[in-house]
PDB file of N, CA and C in Angstrom:
ATOM      1  N   MET A   1       0.845  -1.168   0.000  1.00  0.00           N
ATOM      2  CA  MET A   1       0.000   0.000   0.000  1.00  0.00           C
ATOM      3  C   MET A   1       0.899   1.242   0.000  1.00  0.00           C
ATOM      4  N   THR A   2       0.593   2.159  -0.910  1.00  0.00           N
ATOM      5  CA  THR A   2       1.388   3.385  -0.983  1.00  0.00           C
ATOM      6  C   THR A   2       1.023   4.328   0.164  1.00  0.00           C
ATOM      7  N   LYS A   3       1.855   5.322   0.364  1.00  0.00           N
ATOM      8  CA  LYS A   3       1.595   6.308   1.414  1.00  0.00           C
ATOM      9  C   LYS A   3       0.284   7.046   1.139  1.00  0.00           C
ATOM     10  N   GLN A   4       0.036   7.363  -0.116  1.00  0.00           N
ATOM     11  CA  GLN A   4      -1.185   8.073  -0.497  1.00  0.00           C
ATOM     12  C   GLN A   4      -2.422   7.208  -0.226  1.00  0.00           C
ATOM     13  N   GLU A   5      -2.333   5.916  -0.533  1.00  0.00           N
ATOM     14  CA  GLU A   5      -3.448   5.005  -0.269  1.00  0.00           C
ATOM     15  C   GLU A   5      -3.689   4.865   1.232  1.00  0.00           C
ATOM     16  N   LYS A   6      -2.607   4.760   1.997  1.00  0.00           N
ATOM     17  CA  LYS A   6      -2.733   4.646   3.453  1.00  0.00           C
ATOM     18  C   LYS A   6      -3.368   5.903   4.032  1.00  0.00           C
ATOM     19  N   THR A   7      -2.992   7.056   3.509  1.00  0.00           N
ATOM     20  CA  THR A   7      -3.578   8.316   3.963  1.00  0.00           C
ATOM     21  C   THR A   7      -5.078   8.344   3.681  1.00  0.00           C
ATOM     22  N   ALA A   8      -5.475   7.935   2.489  1.00  0.00           N
ATOM     23  CA  ALA A   8      -6.896   7.913   2.134  1.00  0.00           C
ATOM     24  C   ALA A   8      -7.668   6.953   3.036  1.00  0.00           C
ATOM     25  N   LEU A   9      -7.096   5.800   3.314  1.00  0.00           N
ATOM     26  CA  LEU A   9      -7.743   4.822   4.187  1.00  0.00           C
ATOM     27  C   LEU A   9      -7.870   5.371   5.606  1.00  0.00           C
ATOM     28  N   ASN A  10      -6.824   6.025   6.084  1.00  0.00           N
ATOM     29  CA  ASN A  10      -6.875   6.635   7.417  1.00  0.00           C
ATOM     30  C   ASN A  10      -7.932   7.733   7.489  1.00  0.00           C
ATOM     31  N   MET A  11      -8.077   8.503   6.430  1.00  0.00           N
ATOM     32  CA  MET A  11      -9.101   9.547   6.394  1.00  0.00           C
ATOM     33  C   MET A  11     -10.496   8.941   6.454  1.00  0.00           C
ATOM     34  N   ALA A  12     -10.710   7.866   5.713  1.00  0.00           N
ATOM     35  CA  ALA A  12     -12.013   7.197   5.730  1.00  0.00           C
ATOM     36  C   ALA A  12     -12.321   6.646   7.120  1.00  0.00           C
ATOM     37  N   LYS A  13     -11.319   6.091   7.776  1.00  0.00           N
ATOM     38  CA  LYS A  13     -11.516   5.568   9.135  1.00  0.00           C
ATOM     39  C   LYS A  13     -11.816   6.703  10.104  1.00  0.00           C
ATOM     40  N   PHE A  14     -11.132   7.824   9.956  1.00  0.00           N
ATOM     41  CA  PHE A  14     -11.371   8.982  10.814  1.00  0.00           C
ATOM     42  C   PHE A  14     -12.813   9.469  10.674  1.00  0.00           C
ATOM     43  N   ILE A  15     -13.293   9.575   9.443  1.00  0.00           N
ATOM     44  CA  ILE A  15     -14.668  10.018   9.204  1.00  0.00           C
ATOM     45  C   ILE A  15     -15.653   9.033   9.824  1.00  0.00           C
ATOM     46  N   LYS A  16     -15.381   7.743   9.678  1.00  0.00           N
ATOM     47  CA  LYS A  16     -16.233   6.710  10.277  1.00  0.00           C
ATOM     48  C   LYS A  16     -16.281   6.877  11.789  1.00  0.00           C
ATOM     49  N   ASP A  17     -15.135   7.025  12.405  1.00  0.00           N
ATOM     50  CA  ASP A  17     -15.064   7.149  13.864  1.00  0.00           C
ATOM     51  C   ASP A  17     -15.718   8.437  14.359  1.00  0.00           C
ATOM     52  N   GLN A  18     -15.460   9.536  13.672  1.00  0.00           N
ATOM     53  CA  GLN A  18     -16.018  10.818  14.102  1.00  0.00           C
ATOM     54  C   GLN A  18     -17.531  10.872  13.906  1.00  0.00           C
ATOM     55  N   SER A  19     -18.036  10.244  12.855  1.00  0.00           N
ATOM     56  CA  SER A  19     -19.487  10.246  12.650  1.00  0.00           C
ATOM     57  C   SER A  19     -20.184   9.454  13.754  1.00  0.00           C
ATOM     58  N   LEU A  20     -19.536   8.426  14.269  1.00  0.00           N
ATOM     59  CA  LEU A  20     -20.107   7.671  15.388  1.00  0.00           C
ATOM     60  C   LEU A  20     -20.127   8.525  16.656  1.00  0.00           C
ATOM     61  N   LEU A  21     -19.056   9.256  16.910  1.00  0.00           N
ATOM     62  CA  LEU A  21     -19.030  10.152  18.072  1.00  0.00           C
ATOM     63  C   LEU A  21     -20.111  11.226  17.968  1.00  0.00           C
ATOM     64  N   LEU A  22     -20.271  11.784  16.778  1.00  0.00           N
ATOM     65  CA  LEU A  22     -21.304  12.793  16.568  1.00  0.00           C
ATOM     66  C   LEU A  22     -22.688  12.196  16.792  1.00  0.00           C
ATOM     67  N   LEU A  23     -22.904  10.995  16.307  1.00  0.00           N
ATOM     68  CA  LEU A  23     -24.192  10.325  16.503  1.00  0.00           C
ATOM     69  C   LEU A  23     -24.501  10.168  17.986  1.00  0.00           C
ATOM     70  N   GLU A  24     -23.521   9.769  18.763  1.00  0.00           N
ATOM     71  CA  GLU A  24     -23.717   9.627  20.210  1.00  0.00           C
ATOM     72  C   GLU A  24     -24.090  10.961  20.845  1.00  0.00           C
ATOM     73  N   LYS A  25     -23.425  12.029  20.447  1.00  0.00           N
ATOM     74  CA  LYS A  25     -23.725  13.355  21.001  1.00  0.00           C
ATOM     75  C   LYS A  25     -25.124  13.811  20.612  1.00  0.00           C
ATOM     76  N   LEU A  26     -25.506  13.584  19.367  1.00  0.00           N
ATOM     77  CA  LEU A  26     -26.842  13.984  18.926  1.00  0.00           C
ATOM     78  C   LEU A  26     -27.922  13.210  19.673  1.00  0.00           C
ATOM     79  N   ASN A  27     -27.670  11.944  19.942  1.00  0.00           N
ATOM     80  CA  ASN A  27     -28.626  11.157  20.720  1.00  0.00           C
ATOM     81  C   ASN A  27     -28.732  11.683  22.145  1.00  0.00           C
ATOM     82  N   GLU A  28     -27.609  12.066  22.741  1.00  0.00           N
ATOM     83  CA  GLU A  28     -27.622  12.644  24.090  1.00  0.00           C
ATOM     84  C   GLU A  28     -28.437  13.931  24.133  1.00  0.00           C
ATOM     85  N   LEU A  29     -28.406  14.683  23.044  1.00  0.00           N
ATOM     86  CA  LEU A  29     -29.126  15.954  22.965  1.00  0.00           C
ATOM     87  C   LEU A  29     -30.570  15.781  22.502  1.00  0.00           C
ATOM     88  N   ASP A  30     -30.999  14.544  22.295  1.00  0.00           N
ATOM     89  CA  ASP A  30     -32.357  14.239  21.807  1.00  0.00           C
ATOM     90  C   ASP A  30     -32.678  14.965  20.502  1.00  0.00           C
ATOM     91  N   MET A  31     -31.699  15.019  19.628  1.00  0.00           N
ATOM     92  CA  MET A  31     -31.884  15.631  18.309  1.00  0.00           C
ATOM     93  C   MET A  31     -32.150  14.508  17.310  1.00  0.00           C
ATOM     94  N   ASP A  32     -33.412  14.113  17.223  1.00  0.00           N
ATOM     95  CA  ASP A  32     -33.780  12.921  16.471  1.00  0.00           C
ATOM     96  C   ASP A  32     -33.495  13.015  14.974  1.00  0.00           C
ATOM     97  N   THR A  33     -33.924  14.096  14.337  1.00  0.00           N
ATOM     98  CA  THR A  33     -33.726  14.204  12.888  1.00  0.00           C
ATOM     99  C   THR A  33     -32.243  14.263  12.528  1.00  0.00           C
ATOM    100  N   PRO A  34     -31.457  15.124  13.175  1.00  0.00           N
ATOM    101  CA  PRO A  34     -30.022  15.104  12.879  1.00  0.00           C
ATOM    102  C   PRO A  34     -29.373  13.757  13.218  1.00  0.00           C
ATOM    103  N   ALA A  35     -29.832  13.103  14.275  1.00  0.00           N
ATOM    104  CA  ALA A  35     -29.270  11.794  14.637  1.00  0.00           C
ATOM    105  C   ALA A  35     -29.562  10.766  13.553  1.00  0.00           C
ATOM    106  N   ASP A  36     -30.769  10.812  12.999  1.00  0.00           N
ATOM    107  CA  ASP A  36     -31.102   9.892  11.903  1.00  0.00           C
ATOM    108  C   ASP A  36     -30.206  10.138  10.697  1.00  0.00           C
ATOM    109  N   MET A  37     -29.990  11.410  10.376  1.00  0.00           N
ATOM    110  CA  MET A  37     -29.121  11.754   9.250  1.00  0.00           C
ATOM    111  C   MET A  37     -27.695  11.287   9.513  1.00  0.00           C
ATOM    112  N   CYS A  38     -27.233  11.494  10.730  1.00  0.00           N
ATOM    113  CA  CYS A  38     -25.869  11.115  11.098  1.00  0.00           C
ATOM    114  C   CYS A  38     -25.706   9.600  11.101  1.00  0.00           C
ATOM    115  N   GLU A  39     -26.756   8.890  11.476  1.00  0.00           N
ATOM    116  CA  GLU A  39     -26.684   7.428  11.460  1.00  0.00           C
ATOM    117  C   GLU A  39     -26.475   6.920  10.038  1.00  0.00           C
ATOM    118  N   ARG A  40     -27.193   7.516   9.084  1.00  0.00           N
ATOM    119  CA  ARG A  40     -26.999   7.137   7.676  1.00  0.00           C
ATOM    120  C   ARG A  40     -25.586   7.497   7.218  1.00  0.00           C
ATOM    121  N   LEU A  41     -25.120   8.669   7.632  1.00  0.00           N
ATOM    122  CA  LEU A  41     -23.754   9.091   7.306  1.00  0.00           C
ATOM    123  C   LEU A  41     -22.735   8.094   7.851  1.00  0.00           C
ATOM    124  N   HIS A  42     -22.922   7.687   9.092  1.00  0.00           N
ATOM    125  CA  HIS A  42     -21.993   6.737   9.704  1.00  0.00           C
ATOM    126  C   HIS A  42     -22.017   5.394   8.973  1.00  0.00           C
ATOM    127  N   GLU A  43     -23.205   4.917   8.622  1.00  0.00           N
ATOM    128  CA  GLU A  43     -23.305   3.645   7.898  1.00  0.00           C
ATOM    129  C   GLU A  43     -22.586   3.731   6.559  1.00  0.00           C
ATOM    130  N   ASP A  44     -22.772   4.848   5.851  1.00  0.00           N
ATOM    131  CA  ASP A  44     -22.078   5.034   4.570  1.00  0.00           C
ATOM    132  C   ASP A  44     -20.566   5.132   4.771  1.00  0.00           C
ATOM    133  N   ALA A  45     -20.141   5.841   5.803  1.00  0.00           N
ATOM    134  CA  ALA A  45     -18.709   5.983   6.082  1.00  0.00           C
ATOM    135  C   ALA A  45     -18.093   4.634   6.431  1.00  0.00           C
ATOM    136  N   GLU A  46     -18.829   3.821   7.178  1.00  0.00           N
ATOM    137  CA  GLU A  46     -18.326   2.495   7.536  1.00  0.00           C
ATOM    138  C   GLU A  46     -18.205   1.603   6.300  1.00  0.00           C
ATOM    139  N   THR A  47     -19.208   1.672   5.427  1.00  0.00           N
ATOM    140  CA  THR A  47     -19.161   0.896   4.188  1.00  0.00           C
ATOM    141  C   THR A  47     -18.000   1.351   3.308  1.00  0.00           C
ATOM    142  N   LEU A  48     -17.820   2.655   3.187  1.00  0.00           N
ATOM    143  CA  LEU A  48     -16.712   3.202   2.400  1.00  0.00           C
ATOM    144  C   LEU A  48     -15.381   2.700   2.933  1.00  0.00           C
ATOM    145  N   TRP A  49     -15.184   2.775   4.236  1.00  0.00           N
ATOM    146  CA  TRP A  49     -13.933   2.333   4.849  1.00  0.00           C
ATOM    147  C   TRP A  49     -13.698   0.843   4.580  1.00  0.00           C
ATOM    148  N   GLN A  50     -14.739   0.024   4.712  1.00  0.00           N
ATOM    149  CA  GLN A  50     -14.592  -1.414   4.488  1.00  0.00           C
ATOM    150  C   GLN A  50     -14.238  -1.717   3.036  1.00  0.00           C
ATOM    151  N   VAL A  51     -14.898  -1.038   2.100  1.00  0.00           N
ATOM    152  CA  VAL A  51     -14.618  -1.253   0.677  1.00  0.00           C
ATOM    153  C   VAL A  51     -13.184  -0.840   0.352  1.00  0.00           C
ATOM    154  N   MET A  52     -12.779   0.310   0.859  1.00  0.00           N
ATOM    155  CA  MET A  52     -11.410   0.775   0.618  1.00  0.00           C
ATOM    156  C   MET A  52     -10.397  -0.177   1.235  1.00  0.00           C
ATOM    157  N   ARG A  53     -10.650  -0.613   2.462  1.00  0.00           N
ATOM    158  CA  ARG A  53      -9.739  -1.537   3.153  1.00  0.00           C
ATOM    159  C   ARG A  53      -9.603  -2.839   2.362  1.00  0.00           C
ATOM    160  N   ASP A  54     -10.732  -3.356   1.896  1.00  0.00           N
ATOM    161  CA  ASP A  54     -10.695  -4.608   1.136  1.00  0.00           C
ATOM    162  C   ASP A  54      -9.946  -4.433  -0.183  1.00  0.00           C
ATOM    163  N   LYS A  55     -10.212  -3.331  -0.884  1.00  0.00           N
ATOM    164  CA  LYS A  55      -9.563  -3.106  -2.179  1.00  0.00           C
ATOM    165  C   LYS A  55      -8.068  -2.842  -2.012  1.00  0.00           C
ATOM    166  N   LEU A  56      -7.714  -1.988  -1.088  1.00  0.00           N
ATOM    167  CA  LEU A  56      -6.305  -1.639  -0.916  1.00  0.00           C
ATOM    168  C   LEU A  56      -5.517  -2.776  -0.288  1.00  0.00           C
ATOM    169  N   GLY A  57      -6.178  -3.610   0.477  1.00  0.00           N
ATOM    170  CA  GLY A  57      -5.503  -4.741   1.092  1.00  0.00           C
ATOM    171  C   GLY A  57      -5.118  -5.806   0.085  1.00  0.00           C
ATOM    172  N   LYS A  58      -5.790  -5.805  -1.079  1.00  0.00           N
ATOM    173  CA  LYS A  58      -5.535  -6.818  -2.107  1.00  0.00           C
ATOM    174  C   LYS A  58      -4.528  -6.349  -3.138  1.00  0.00           C
ATOM    175  N   GLU A  59      -4.142  -5.085  -3.067  1.00  0.00           N
ATOM    176  CA  GLU A  59      -3.196  -4.557  -4.068  1.00  0.00           C
ATOM    177  C   GLU A  59      -1.769  -4.681  -3.592  1.00  0.00           C
TER     178      GLU A  59
END
């Protein structure tokens, strides 16, 4: 894996992790609509990270 690929993978993981933290905070604040949006964001970020990890791990 090149340095550029590793950086991209790390960025995707960071977004995944941060979206989960944001989701927890929104739930604590009882912000239902933003929490629903953030949950979808987190699911997409997790899928993106997994796809990138699988693809870059095979190269």
